[in-house]
């Protein structure tokens, strides 16, 4: 019986790493440049990579700070709009309550007149 649930991932990863390392070593052995030149070139490329990584990190940091500041501004403006809307709603509700109270009083007076006229 064949086990179909077997996980081959670790073996594949090890094989890929071994193959990459073997290719790297073969490249160094058969490279047309001397070891000194190759090491110097690796060092230069490494420094270039580190420099670009630092630049990328600084750019990402700057963009993150800008996005954070923009988000804070949007949040502050939204908070102001919501507070104003809440205040407007409270004022509108108070006006409506007063109109309803007035209408109820008028209705009570009218009902009292009708009751008095019927008595």
PDB file of N, CA and C in Angstrom:
ATOM      1  N   UNK A   1       0.841  -1.174   0.000  1.00  0.00           N
ATOM      2  CA  UNK A   1       0.000   0.000   0.000  1.00  0.00           C
ATOM      3  C   UNK A   1       0.892   1.245   0.000  1.00  0.00           C
ATOM      4  N   UNK A   2       0.570   2.244  -0.817  1.00  0.00           N
ATOM      5  CA  UNK A   2       1.364   3.464  -0.955  1.00  0.00           C
ATOM      6  C   UNK A   2       0.827   4.527   0.008  1.00  0.00           C
ATOM      7  N   UNK A   3       1.754   5.157   0.732  1.00  0.00           N
ATOM      8  CA  UNK A   3       1.367   6.222   1.650  1.00  0.00           C
ATOM      9  C   UNK A   3       1.330   7.535   0.864  1.00  0.00           C
ATOM     10  N   UNK A   4       0.151   8.071   0.609  1.00  0.00           N
ATOM     11  CA  UNK A   4      -0.008   9.280  -0.205  1.00  0.00           C
ATOM     12  C   UNK A   4       0.101  10.557   0.626  1.00  0.00           C
ATOM     13  N   UNK A   5       0.144  10.447   1.927  1.00  0.00           N
ATOM     14  CA  UNK A   5       0.192  11.625   2.785  1.00  0.00           C
ATOM     15  C   UNK A   5       1.606  11.976   3.221  1.00  0.00           C
ATOM     16  N   UNK A   6       2.612  11.393   2.603  1.00  0.00           N
ATOM     17  CA  UNK A   6       3.992  11.625   2.986  1.00  0.00           C
ATOM     18  C   UNK A   6       4.413  13.037   2.566  1.00  0.00           C
ATOM     19  N   UNK A   7       5.164  13.729   3.416  1.00  0.00           N
ATOM     20  CA  UNK A   7       5.599  15.091   3.158  1.00  0.00           C
ATOM     21  C   UNK A   7       7.037  15.064   2.633  1.00  0.00           C
ATOM     22  N   UNK A   8       7.223  15.450   1.374  1.00  0.00           N
ATOM     23  CA  UNK A   8       8.538  15.446   0.749  1.00  0.00           C
ATOM     24  C   UNK A   8       9.223  16.813   0.814  1.00  0.00           C
ATOM     25  N   UNK A   9       8.580  17.802   1.386  1.00  0.00           N
ATOM     26  CA  UNK A   9       9.100  19.164   1.385  1.00  0.00           C
ATOM     27  C   UNK A   9      10.497  19.281   1.996  1.00  0.00           C
ATOM     28  N   UNK A  10      10.772  18.722   3.182  1.00  0.00           N
ATOM     29  CA  UNK A  10      12.120  18.866   3.743  1.00  0.00           C
ATOM     30  C   UNK A  10      13.204  18.290   2.824  1.00  0.00           C
ATOM     31  N   UNK A  11      12.929  17.158   2.220  1.00  0.00           N
ATOM     32  CA  UNK A  11      13.898  16.547   1.316  1.00  0.00           C
ATOM     33  C   UNK A  11      14.145  17.400   0.080  1.00  0.00           C
ATOM     34  N   UNK A  12      13.079  17.978  -0.442  1.00  0.00           N
ATOM     35  CA  UNK A  12      13.203  18.842  -1.624  1.00  0.00           C
ATOM     36  C   UNK A  12      14.022  20.085  -1.277  1.00  0.00           C
ATOM     37  N   UNK A  13      13.771  20.665  -0.112  1.00  0.00           N
ATOM     38  CA  UNK A  13      14.508  21.861   0.297  1.00  0.00           C
ATOM     39  C   UNK A  13      15.984  21.547   0.478  1.00  0.00           C
ATOM     40  N   UNK A  14      16.299  20.419   1.123  1.00  0.00           N
ATOM     41  CA  UNK A  14      17.699  20.022   1.324  1.00  0.00           C
ATOM     42  C   UNK A  14      18.372  19.799  -0.027  1.00  0.00           C
ATOM     43  N   UNK A  15      17.689  19.137  -0.944  1.00  0.00           N
ATOM     44  CA  UNK A  15      18.260  18.885  -2.276  1.00  0.00           C
ATOM     45  C   UNK A  15      18.521  20.194  -3.015  1.00  0.00           C
ATOM     46  N   UNK A  16      17.586  21.151  -2.930  1.00  0.00           N
ATOM     47  CA  UNK A  16      17.778  22.447  -3.584  1.00  0.00           C
ATOM     48  C   UNK A  16      18.969  23.194  -2.982  1.00  0.00           C
ATOM     49  N   UNK A  17      19.084  23.188  -1.649  1.00  0.00           N
ATOM     50  CA  UNK A  17      20.203  23.863  -0.999  1.00  0.00           C
ATOM     51  C   UNK A  17      21.537  23.213  -1.374  1.00  0.00           C
ATOM     52  N   UNK A  18      21.574  21.882  -1.394  1.00  0.00           N
ATOM     53  CA  UNK A  18      22.787  21.169  -1.765  1.00  0.00           C
ATOM     54  C   UNK A  18      23.178  21.493  -3.210  1.00  0.00           C
ATOM     55  N   UNK A  19      22.194  21.502  -4.091  1.00  0.00           N
ATOM     56  CA  UNK A  19      22.446  21.804  -5.503  1.00  0.00           C
ATOM     57  C   UNK A  19      22.952  23.238  -5.671  1.00  0.00           C
ATOM     58  N   UNK A  20      22.356  24.167  -4.938  1.00  0.00           N
ATOM     59  CA  UNK A  20      22.796  25.561  -5.020  1.00  0.00           C
ATOM     60  C   UNK A  20      24.223  25.708  -4.513  1.00  0.00           C
ATOM     61  N   UNK A  21      24.535  25.033  -3.403  1.00  0.00           N
ATOM     62  CA  UNK A  21      25.893  25.098  -2.855  1.00  0.00           C
ATOM     63  C   UNK A  21      26.892  24.479  -3.828  1.00  0.00           C
ATOM     64  N   UNK A  22      26.537  23.358  -4.439  1.00  0.00           N
ATOM     65  CA  UNK A  22      27.419  22.707  -5.396  1.00  0.00           C
ATOM     66  C   UNK A  22      27.643  23.610  -6.615  1.00  0.00           C
ATOM     67  N   UNK A  23      26.603  24.250  -7.067  1.00  0.00           N
ATOM     68  CA  UNK A  23      26.736  25.171  -8.190  1.00  0.00           C
ATOM     69  C   UNK A  23      27.620  26.358  -7.846  1.00  0.00           C
ATOM     70  N   UNK A  24      27.485  26.855  -6.620  1.00  0.00           N
ATOM     71  CA  UNK A  24      28.305  27.981  -6.164  1.00  0.00           C
ATOM     72  C   UNK A  24      29.780  27.587  -6.146  1.00  0.00           C
ATOM     73  N   UNK A  25      30.061  26.433  -5.561  1.00  0.00           N
ATOM     74  CA  UNK A  25      31.448  25.951  -5.481  1.00  0.00           C
ATOM     75  C   UNK A  25      32.001  25.714  -6.886  1.00  0.00           C
ATOM     76  N   UNK A  26      31.219  25.082  -7.751  1.00  0.00           N
ATOM     77  CA  UNK A  26      31.673  24.831  -9.125  1.00  0.00           C
ATOM     78  C   UNK A  26      31.945  26.152  -9.840  1.00  0.00           C
ATOM     79  N   UNK A  27      31.105  27.132  -9.603  1.00  0.00           N
ATOM     80  CA  UNK A  27      31.310  28.439 -10.222  1.00  0.00           C
ATOM     81  C   UNK A  27      32.601  29.081  -9.767  1.00  0.00           C
ATOM     82  N   UNK A  28      32.912  28.926  -8.478  1.00  0.00           N
ATOM     83  CA  UNK A  28      34.167  29.487  -7.972  1.00  0.00           C
ATOM     84  C   UNK A  28      35.378  28.753  -8.549  1.00  0.00           C
ATOM     85  N   UNK A  29      35.262  27.424  -8.644  1.00  0.00           N
ATOM     86  CA  UNK A  29      36.396  26.633  -9.138  1.00  0.00           C
ATOM     87  C   UNK A  29      36.671  26.887 -10.620  1.00  0.00           C
ATOM     88  N   UNK A  30      35.637  27.069 -11.381  1.00  0.00           N
ATOM     89  CA  UNK A  30      35.814  27.207 -12.820  1.00  0.00           C
ATOM     90  C   UNK A  30      35.708  28.654 -13.302  1.00  0.00           C
ATOM     91  N   UNK A  31      35.675  29.583 -12.389  1.00  0.00           N
ATOM     92  CA  UNK A  31      35.563  30.994 -12.764  1.00  0.00           C
ATOM     93  C   UNK A  31      36.835  31.452 -13.453  1.00  0.00           C
ATOM     94  N   UNK A  32      36.693  32.325 -14.460  1.00  0.00           N
ATOM     95  CA  UNK A  32      37.873  32.795 -15.181  1.00  0.00           C
ATOM     96  C   UNK A  32      38.700  33.805 -14.363  1.00  0.00           C
ATOM     97  N   UNK A  33      38.184  34.272 -13.252  1.00  0.00           N
ATOM     98  CA  UNK A  33      38.905  35.253 -12.441  1.00  0.00           C
ATOM     99  C   UNK A  33      39.632  34.555 -11.304  1.00  0.00           C
ATOM    100  N   UNK A  34      40.644  35.242 -10.779  1.00  0.00           N
ATOM    101  CA  UNK A  34      41.384  34.681  -9.649  1.00  0.00           C
ATOM    102  C   UNK A  34      40.528  34.783  -8.388  1.00  0.00           C
ATOM    103  N   UNK A  35      40.942  34.055  -7.381  1.00  0.00           N
ATOM    104  CA  UNK A  35      40.215  34.076  -6.114  1.00  0.00           C
ATOM    105  C   UNK A  35      40.197  35.470  -5.506  1.00  0.00           C
ATOM    106  N   UNK A  36      41.304  36.182  -5.629  1.00  0.00           N
ATOM    107  CA  UNK A  36      41.392  37.534  -5.068  1.00  0.00           C
ATOM    108  C   UNK A  36      40.401  38.461  -5.767  1.00  0.00           C
ATOM    109  N   UNK A  37      40.344  38.366  -7.090  1.00  0.00           N
ATOM    110  CA  UNK A  37      39.403  39.204  -7.845  1.00  0.00           C
ATOM    111  C   UNK A  37      37.957  38.837  -7.499  1.00  0.00           C
ATOM    112  N   UNK A  38      37.698  37.548  -7.397  1.00  0.00           N
ATOM    113  CA  UNK A  38      36.344  37.081  -7.094  1.00  0.00           C
ATOM    114  C   UNK A  38      35.915  37.555  -5.709  1.00  0.00           C
ATOM    115  N   UNK A  39      36.809  37.440  -4.720  1.00  0.00           N
ATOM    116  CA  UNK A  39      36.483  37.899  -3.365  1.00  0.00           C
ATOM    117  C   UNK A  39      36.249  39.402  -3.339  1.00  0.00           C
ATOM    118  N   UNK A  40      37.085  40.157  -4.081  1.00  0.00           N
ATOM    119  CA  UNK A  40      36.909  41.602  -4.151  1.00  0.00           C
ATOM    120  C   UNK A  40      35.561  41.938  -4.783  1.00  0.00           C
ATOM    121  N   UNK A  41      35.220  41.216  -5.851  1.00  0.00           N
ATOM    122  CA  UNK A  41      33.934  41.449  -6.522  1.00  0.00           C
ATOM    123  C   UNK A  41      32.765  41.101  -5.600  1.00  0.00           C
ATOM    124  N   UNK A  42      32.896  39.992  -4.859  1.00  0.00           N
ATOM    125  CA  UNK A  42      31.846  39.626  -3.895  1.00  0.00           C
ATOM    126  C   UNK A  42      31.703  40.701  -2.827  1.00  0.00           C
ATOM    127  N   UNK A  43      32.829  41.198  -2.343  1.00  0.00           N
ATOM    128  CA  UNK A  43      32.800  42.236  -1.312  1.00  0.00           C
ATOM    129  C   UNK A  43      32.120  43.492  -1.846  1.00  0.00           C
ATOM    130  N   UNK A  44      32.463  43.885  -3.075  1.00  0.00           N
ATOM    131  CA  UNK A  44      31.838  45.070  -3.679  1.00  0.00           C
ATOM    132  C   UNK A  44      30.337  44.873  -3.847  1.00  0.00           C
ATOM    133  N   UNK A  45      29.964  43.706  -4.363  1.00  0.00           N
ATOM    134  CA  UNK A  45      28.535  43.421  -4.543  1.00  0.00           C
ATOM    135  C   UNK A  45      27.814  43.385  -3.200  1.00  0.00           C
ATOM    136  N   UNK A  46      28.484  42.819  -2.190  1.00  0.00           N
ATOM    137  CA  UNK A  46      27.894  42.778  -0.855  1.00  0.00           C
ATOM    138  C   UNK A  46      27.685  44.176  -0.300  1.00  0.00           C
ATOM    139  N   UNK A  47      28.694  45.045  -0.461  1.00  0.00           N
ATOM    140  CA  UNK A  47      28.565  46.426   0.005  1.00  0.00           C
ATOM    141  C   UNK A  47      27.469  47.163  -0.765  1.00  0.00           C
ATOM    142  N   UNK A  48      27.398  46.901  -2.057  1.00  0.00           N
ATOM    143  CA  UNK A  48      26.359  47.523  -2.890  1.00  0.00           C
ATOM    144  C   UNK A  48      24.973  47.057  -2.428  1.00  0.00           C
ATOM    145  N   UNK A  49      24.857  45.767  -2.172  1.00  0.00           N
ATOM    146  CA  UNK A  49      23.591  45.216  -1.699  1.00  0.00           C
ATOM    147  C   UNK A  49      23.201  45.819  -0.354  1.00  0.00           C
ATOM    148  N   UNK A  50      24.175  45.927   0.553  1.00  0.00           N
ATOM    149  CA  UNK A  50      23.897  46.512   1.868  1.00  0.00           C
ATOM    150  C   UNK A  50      23.478  47.971   1.723  1.00  0.00           C
ATOM    151  N   UNK A  51      24.159  48.713   0.848  1.00  0.00           N
ATOM    152  CA  UNK A  51      23.799  50.114   0.623  1.00  0.00           C
ATOM    153  C   UNK A  51      22.388  50.257   0.081  1.00  0.00           C
ATOM    154  N   UNK A  52      22.066  49.435  -0.903  1.00  0.00           N
ATOM    155  CA  UNK A  52      20.712  49.495  -1.475  1.00  0.00           C
ATOM    156  C   UNK A  52      19.674  49.071  -0.437  1.00  0.00           C
ATOM    157  N   UNK A  53      20.008  48.094   0.383  1.00  0.00           N
ATOM    158  CA  UNK A  53      19.084  47.656   1.431  1.00  0.00           C
ATOM    159  C   UNK A  53      18.833  48.775   2.428  1.00  0.00           C
ATOM    160  N   UNK A  54      19.902  49.486   2.789  1.00  0.00           N
ATOM    161  CA  UNK A  54      19.745  50.615   3.726  1.00  0.00           C
ATOM    162  C   UNK A  54      18.885  51.710   3.101  1.00  0.00           C
ATOM    163  N   UNK A  55      19.146  52.009   1.822  1.00  0.00           N
ATOM    164  CA  UNK A  55      18.347  53.026   1.128  1.00  0.00           C
ATOM    165  C   UNK A  55      16.874  52.604   1.093  1.00  0.00           C
ATOM    166  N   UNK A  56      16.644  51.345   0.759  1.00  0.00           N
ATOM    167  CA  UNK A  56      15.275  50.830   0.723  1.00  0.00           C
ATOM    168  C   UNK A  56      14.618  50.899   2.088  1.00  0.00           C
ATOM    169  N   UNK A  57      15.376  50.588   3.118  1.00  0.00           N
ATOM    170  CA  UNK A  57      14.843  50.641   4.475  1.00  0.00           C
ATOM    171  C   UNK A  57      14.501  52.075   4.862  1.00  0.00           C
ATOM    172  N   UNK A  58      15.377  53.020   4.528  1.00  0.00           N
ATOM    173  CA  UNK A  58      15.106  54.428   4.832  1.00  0.00           C
ATOM    174  C   UNK A  58      13.881  54.923   4.063  1.00  0.00           C
ATOM    175  N   UNK A  59      13.784  54.530   2.791  1.00  0.00           N
ATOM    176  CA  UNK A  59      12.621  54.923   1.984  1.00  0.00           C
ATOM    177  C   UNK A  59      11.340  54.349   2.581  1.00  0.00           C
ATOM    178  N   UNK A  60      11.390  53.068   2.953  1.00  0.00           N
ATOM    179  CA  UNK A  60      10.214  52.432   3.552  1.00  0.00           C
ATOM    180  C   UNK A  60       9.859  53.101   4.875  1.00  0.00           C
ATOM    181  N   UNK A  61      10.879  53.438   5.656  1.00  0.00           N
ATOM    182  CA  UNK A  61      10.644  54.104   6.941  1.00  0.00           C
ATOM    183  C   UNK A  61       9.979  55.459   6.720  1.00  0.00           C
ATOM    184  N   UNK A  62      10.493  56.221   5.758  1.00  0.00           N
ATOM    185  CA  UNK A  62       9.924  57.533   5.450  1.00  0.00           C
ATOM    186  C   UNK A  62       8.483  57.400   4.986  1.00  0.00           C
ATOM    187  N   UNK A  63       8.227  56.456   4.101  1.00  0.00           N
ATOM    188  CA  UNK A  63       6.866  56.261   3.599  1.00  0.00           C
ATOM    189  C   UNK A  63       5.936  55.800   4.707  1.00  0.00           C
ATOM    190  N   UNK A  64       6.425  54.966   5.607  1.00  0.00           N
ATOM    191  CA  UNK A  64       5.610  54.513   6.724  1.00  0.00           C
ATOM    192  C   UNK A  64       5.228  55.688   7.617  1.00  0.00           C
ATOM    193  N   UNK A  65       6.208  56.555   7.904  1.00  0.00           N
ATOM    194  CA  UNK A  65       5.934  57.724   8.748  1.00  0.00           C
ATOM    195  C   UNK A  65       4.928  58.640   8.062  1.00  0.00           C
ATOM    196  N   UNK A  66       5.092  58.844   6.749  1.00  0.00           N
ATOM    197  CA  UNK A  66       4.139  59.677   6.015  1.00  0.00           C
ATOM    198  C   UNK A  66       2.744  59.071   6.060  1.00  0.00           C
ATOM    199  N   UNK A  67       2.655  57.762   5.847  1.00  0.00           N
ATOM    200  CA  UNK A  67       1.353  57.092   5.872  1.00  0.00           C
ATOM    201  C   UNK A  67       0.735  57.183   7.261  1.00  0.00           C
ATOM    202  N   UNK A  68       1.564  57.036   8.291  1.00  0.00           N
ATOM    203  CA  UNK A  68       1.071  57.140   9.668  1.00  0.00           C
ATOM    204  C   UNK A  68       0.531  58.541   9.932  1.00  0.00           C
ATOM    205  N   UNK A  69       1.284  59.551   9.495  1.00  0.00           N
ATOM    206  CA  UNK A  69       0.841  60.934   9.696  1.00  0.00           C
ATOM    207  C   UNK A  69      -0.440  61.221   8.928  1.00  0.00           C
ATOM    208  N   UNK A  70      -0.505  60.740   7.695  1.00  0.00           N
ATOM    209  CA  UNK A  70      -1.718  60.933   6.892  1.00  0.00           C
ATOM    210  C   UNK A  70      -2.902  60.241   7.551  1.00  0.00           C
ATOM    211  N   UNK A  71      -2.689  59.039   8.038  1.00  0.00           N
ATOM    212  CA  UNK A  71      -3.754  58.311   8.734  1.00  0.00           C
ATOM    213  C   UNK A  71      -4.226  59.051   9.971  1.00  0.00           C
ATOM    214  N   UNK A  72      -3.278  59.637  10.709  1.00  0.00           N
ATOM    215  CA  UNK A  72      -3.643  60.398  11.907  1.00  0.00           C
ATOM    216  C   UNK A  72      -4.460  61.628  11.519  1.00  0.00           C
ATOM    217  N   UNK A  73      -4.057  62.318  10.454  1.00  0.00           N
ATOM    218  CA  UNK A  73      -4.814  63.491   9.995  1.00  0.00           C
ATOM    219  C   UNK A  73      -6.235  63.092   9.596  1.00  0.00           C
ATOM    220  N   UNK A  74      -6.355  62.004   8.855  1.00  0.00           N
ATOM    221  CA  UNK A  74      -7.677  61.529   8.423  1.00  0.00           C
ATOM    222  C   UNK A  74      -8.526  61.164   9.643  1.00  0.00           C
ATOM    223  N   UNK A  75      -7.910  60.480  10.591  1.00  0.00           N
ATOM    224  CA  UNK A  75      -8.624  60.097  11.811  1.00  0.00           C
ATOM    225  C   UNK A  75      -9.092  61.323  12.582  1.00  0.00           C
ATOM    226  N   UNK A  76      -8.218  62.326  12.707  1.00  0.00           N
ATOM    227  CA  UNK A  76      -8.593  63.554  13.425  1.00  0.00           C
ATOM    228  C   UNK A  76      -9.738  64.268  12.712  1.00  0.00           C
ATOM    229  N   UNK A  77      -9.646  64.385  11.376  1.00  0.00           N
ATOM    230  CA  UNK A  77     -10.717  65.036  10.619  1.00  0.00           C
ATOM    231  C   UNK A  77     -12.021  64.258  10.736  1.00  0.00           C
ATOM    232  N   UNK A  78     -11.932  62.944  10.673  1.00  0.00           N
ATOM    233  CA  UNK A  78     -13.129  62.105  10.790  1.00  0.00           C
ATOM    234  C   UNK A  78     -13.767  62.281  12.162  1.00  0.00           C
ATOM    235  N   UNK A  79     -12.931  62.341  13.184  1.00  0.00           N
ATOM    236  CA  UNK A  79     -13.437  62.527  14.545  1.00  0.00           C
ATOM    237  C   UNK A  79     -14.185  63.856  14.641  1.00  0.00           C
ATOM    238  N   UNK A  80     -13.630  64.917  14.044  1.00  0.00           N
ATOM    239  CA  UNK A  80     -14.289  66.222  14.060  1.00  0.00           C
ATOM    240  C   UNK A  80     -15.639  66.173  13.343  1.00  0.00           C
ATOM    241  N   UNK A  81     -15.664  65.527  12.179  1.00  0.00           N
ATOM    242  CA  UNK A  81     -16.905  65.424  11.401  1.00  0.00           C
ATOM    243  C   UNK A  81     -17.957  64.646  12.191  1.00  0.00           C
ATOM    244  N   UNK A  82     -17.549  63.562  12.815  1.00  0.00           N
ATOM    245  CA  UNK A  82     -18.487  62.741  13.590  1.00  0.00           C
ATOM    246  C   UNK A  82     -19.017  63.524  14.792  1.00  0.00           C
ATOM    247  N   UNK A  83     -18.133  64.257  15.470  1.00  0.00           N
ATOM    248  CA  UNK A  83     -18.576  65.042  16.617  1.00  0.00           C
ATOM    249  C   UNK A  83     -19.556  66.125  16.188  1.00  0.00           C
ATOM    250  N   UNK A  84     -19.285  66.782  15.057  1.00  0.00           N
ATOM    251  CA  UNK A  84     -20.204  67.806  14.554  1.00  0.00           C
ATOM    252  C   UNK A  84     -21.542  67.179  14.179  1.00  0.00           C
ATOM    253  N   UNK A  85     -21.500  66.027  13.507  1.00  0.00           N
ATOM    254  CA  UNK A  85     -22.739  65.349  13.126  1.00  0.00           C
ATOM    255  C   UNK A  85     -23.545  64.957  14.368  1.00  0.00           C
ATOM    256  N   UNK A  86     -22.861  64.478  15.399  1.00  0.00           N
ATOM    257  CA  UNK A  86     -23.550  64.103  16.639  1.00  0.00           C
ATOM    258  C   UNK A  86     -24.194  65.323  17.279  1.00  0.00           C
ATOM    259  N   UNK A  87     -23.465  66.447  17.285  1.00  0.00           N
ATOM    260  CA  UNK A  87     -24.019  67.678  17.858  1.00  0.00           C
ATOM    261  C   UNK A  87     -25.235  68.137  17.060  1.00  0.00           C
ATOM    262  N   UNK A  88     -25.120  68.104  15.715  1.00  0.00           N
ATOM    263  CA  UNK A  88     -26.243  68.492  14.858  1.00  0.00           C
ATOM    264  C   UNK A  88     -27.452  67.594  15.091  1.00  0.00           C
ATOM    265  N   UNK A  89     -27.194  66.302  15.257  1.00  0.00           N
ATOM    266  CA  UNK A  89     -28.298  65.362  15.501  1.00  0.00           C
ATOM    267  C   UNK A  89     -28.962  65.644  16.845  1.00  0.00           C
ATOM    268  N   UNK A  90     -28.144  65.950  17.845  1.00  0.00           N
ATOM    269  CA  UNK A  90     -28.709  66.280  19.161  1.00  0.00           C
ATOM    270  C   UNK A  90     -29.581  67.526  19.063  1.00  0.00           C
ATOM    271  N   UNK A  91     -29.083  68.538  18.363  1.00  0.00           N
ATOM    272  CA  UNK A  91     -29.854  69.772  18.204  1.00  0.00           C
ATOM    273  C   UNK A  91     -31.146  69.507  17.431  1.00  0.00           C
ATOM    274  N   UNK A  92     -31.046  68.714  16.367  1.00  0.00           N
ATOM    275  CA  UNK A  92     -32.232  68.361  15.588  1.00  0.00           C
ATOM    276  C   UNK A  92     -33.234  67.576  16.414  1.00  0.00           C
ATOM    277  N   UNK A  93     -32.732  66.657  17.217  1.00  0.00           N
ATOM    278  CA  UNK A  93     -33.618  65.858  18.070  1.00  0.00           C
ATOM    279  C   UNK A  93     -34.303  66.743  19.111  1.00  0.00           C
ATOM    280  N   UNK A  94     -33.566  67.703  19.641  1.00  0.00           N
ATOM    281  CA  UNK A  94     -34.155  68.625  20.632  1.00  0.00           C
ATOM    282  C   UNK A  94     -35.249  69.470  19.989  1.00  0.00           C
ATOM    283  N   UNK A  95     -35.001  69.967  18.766  1.00  0.00           N
ATOM    284  CA  UNK A  95     -36.025  70.753  18.057  1.00  0.00           C
ATOM    285  C   UNK A  95     -37.256  69.897  17.790  1.00  0.00           C
ATOM    286  N   UNK A  96     -37.042  68.665  17.352  1.00  0.00           N
ATOM    287  CA  UNK A  96     -38.163  67.757  17.076  1.00  0.00           C
ATOM    288  C   UNK A  96     -38.940  67.469  18.357  1.00  0.00           C
ATOM    289  N   UNK A  97     -38.232  67.265  19.471  1.00  0.00           N
ATOM    290  CA  UNK A  97     -38.906  67.014  20.757  1.00  0.00           C
ATOM    291  C   UNK A  97     -39.780  68.195  21.148  1.00  0.00           C
ATOM    292  N   UNK A  98     -39.236  69.391  20.958  1.00  0.00           N
ATOM    293  CA  UNK A  98     -40.015  70.585  21.298  1.00  0.00           C
ATOM    294  C   UNK A  98     -41.261  70.692  20.419  1.00  0.00           C
ATOM    295  N   UNK A  99     -41.129  70.401  19.122  1.00  0.00           N
ATOM    296  CA  UNK A  99     -42.281  70.451  18.215  1.00  0.00           C
ATOM    297  C   UNK A  99     -43.318  69.408  18.609  1.00  0.00           C
ATOM    298  N   UNK A 100     -42.863  68.230  18.964  1.00  0.00           N
ATOM    299  CA  UNK A 100     -43.793  67.170  19.390  1.00  0.00           C
ATOM    300  C   UNK A 100     -44.497  67.584  20.675  1.00  0.00           C
ATOM    301  N   UNK A 101     -43.737  68.125  21.640  1.00  0.00           N
ATOM    302  CA  UNK A 101     -44.352  68.596  22.895  1.00  0.00           C
ATOM    303  C   UNK A 101     -45.409  69.659  22.612  1.00  0.00           C
ATOM    304  N   UNK A 102     -45.084  70.599  21.719  1.00  0.00           N
ATOM    305  CA  UNK A 102     -46.035  71.659  21.366  1.00  0.00           C
ATOM    306  C   UNK A 102     -47.286  71.070  20.718  1.00  0.00           C
ATOM    307  N   UNK A 103     -47.097  70.130  19.809  1.00  0.00           N
ATOM    308  CA  UNK A 103     -48.232  69.499  19.133  1.00  0.00           C
ATOM    309  C   UNK A 103     -49.092  68.730  20.128  1.00  0.00           C
ATOM    310  N   UNK A 104     -48.460  68.053  21.069  1.00  0.00           N
ATOM    311  CA  UNK A 104     -49.204  67.306  22.089  1.00  0.00           C
ATOM    312  C   UNK A 104     -50.019  68.267  22.953  1.00  0.00           C
ATOM    313  N   UNK A 105     -49.410  69.389  23.341  1.00  0.00           N
ATOM    314  CA  UNK A 105     -50.139  70.379  24.152  1.00  0.00           C
ATOM    315  C   UNK A 105     -51.338  70.921  23.380  1.00  0.00           C
ATOM    316  N   UNK A 106     -51.127  71.243  22.093  1.00  0.00           N
ATOM    317  CA  UNK A 106     -52.229  71.739  21.263  1.00  0.00           C
ATOM    318  C   UNK A 106     -53.321  70.679  21.139  1.00  0.00           C
ATOM    319  N   UNK A 107     -52.891  69.441  20.963  1.00  0.00           N
ATOM    320  CA  UNK A 107     -53.851  68.346  20.858  1.00  0.00           C
ATOM    321  C   UNK A 107     -54.642  68.173  22.142  1.00  0.00           C
ATOM    322  N   UNK A 108     -53.978  68.309  23.291  1.00  0.00           N
ATOM    323  CA  UNK A 108     -54.654  68.195  24.579  1.00  0.00           C
ATOM    324  C   UNK A 108     -55.670  69.337  24.750  1.00  0.00           C
ATOM    325  N   UNK A 109     -55.256  70.553  24.335  1.00  0.00           N
ATOM    326  CA  UNK A 109     -56.167  71.693  24.435  1.00  0.00           C
ATOM    327  C   UNK A 109     -57.392  71.484  23.549  1.00  0.00           C
ATOM    328  N   UNK A 110     -57.129  71.006  22.312  1.00  0.00           N
ATOM    329  CA  UNK A 110     -58.239  70.761  21.386  1.00  0.00           C
ATOM    330  C   UNK A 110     -59.153  69.675  21.933  1.00  0.00           C
ATOM    331  N   UNK A 111     -58.574  68.621  22.501  1.00  0.00           N
ATOM    332  CA  UNK A 111     -59.370  67.535  23.075  1.00  0.00           C
ATOM    333  C   UNK A 111     -60.187  68.040  24.263  1.00  0.00           C
ATOM    334  N   UNK A 112     -59.582  68.907  25.064  1.00  0.00           N
ATOM    335  CA  UNK A 112     -60.290  69.477  26.215  1.00  0.00           C
ATOM    336  C   UNK A 112     -61.469  70.319  25.745  1.00  0.00           C
ATOM    337  N   UNK A 113     -61.278  71.123  24.663  1.00  0.00           N
ATOM    338  CA  UNK A 113     -62.370  71.935  24.119  1.00  0.00           C
ATOM    339  C   UNK A 113     -63.507  71.057  23.617  1.00  0.00           C
ATOM    340  N   UNK A 114     -63.133  70.002  22.910  1.00  0.00           N
ATOM    341  CA  UNK A 114     -64.162  69.084  22.404  1.00  0.00           C
ATOM    342  C   UNK A 114     -64.892  68.426  23.559  1.00  0.00           C
ATOM    343  N   UNK A 115     -64.155  68.035  24.574  1.00  0.00           N
ATOM    344  CA  UNK A 115     -64.772  67.405  25.743  1.00  0.00           C
ATOM    345  C   UNK A 115     -65.700  68.388  26.449  1.00  0.00           C
ATOM    346  N   UNK A 116     -65.235  69.625  26.593  1.00  0.00           N
ATOM    347  CA  UNK A 116     -66.061  70.646  27.248  1.00  0.00           C
ATOM    348  C   UNK A 116     -67.321  70.948  26.417  1.00  0.00           C
ATOM    349  N   UNK A 117     -67.158  70.977  25.111  1.00  0.00           N
ATOM    350  CA  UNK A 117     -68.338  71.275  24.272  1.00  0.00           C
ATOM    351  C   UNK A 117     -69.328  70.107  24.254  1.00  0.00           C
ATOM    352  N   UNK A 118     -68.868  68.922  24.479  1.00  0.00           N
ATOM    353  CA  UNK A 118     -69.746  67.754  24.507  1.00  0.00           C
ATOM    354  C   UNK A 118     -70.412  67.600  25.864  1.00  0.00           C
ATOM    355  N   UNK A 119     -69.928  68.212  26.877  1.00  0.00           N
ATOM    356  CA  UNK A 119     -70.502  68.051  28.206  1.00  0.00           C
ATOM    357  C   UNK A 119     -71.651  68.964  28.450  1.00  0.00           C
TER     358      UNK A 119
END
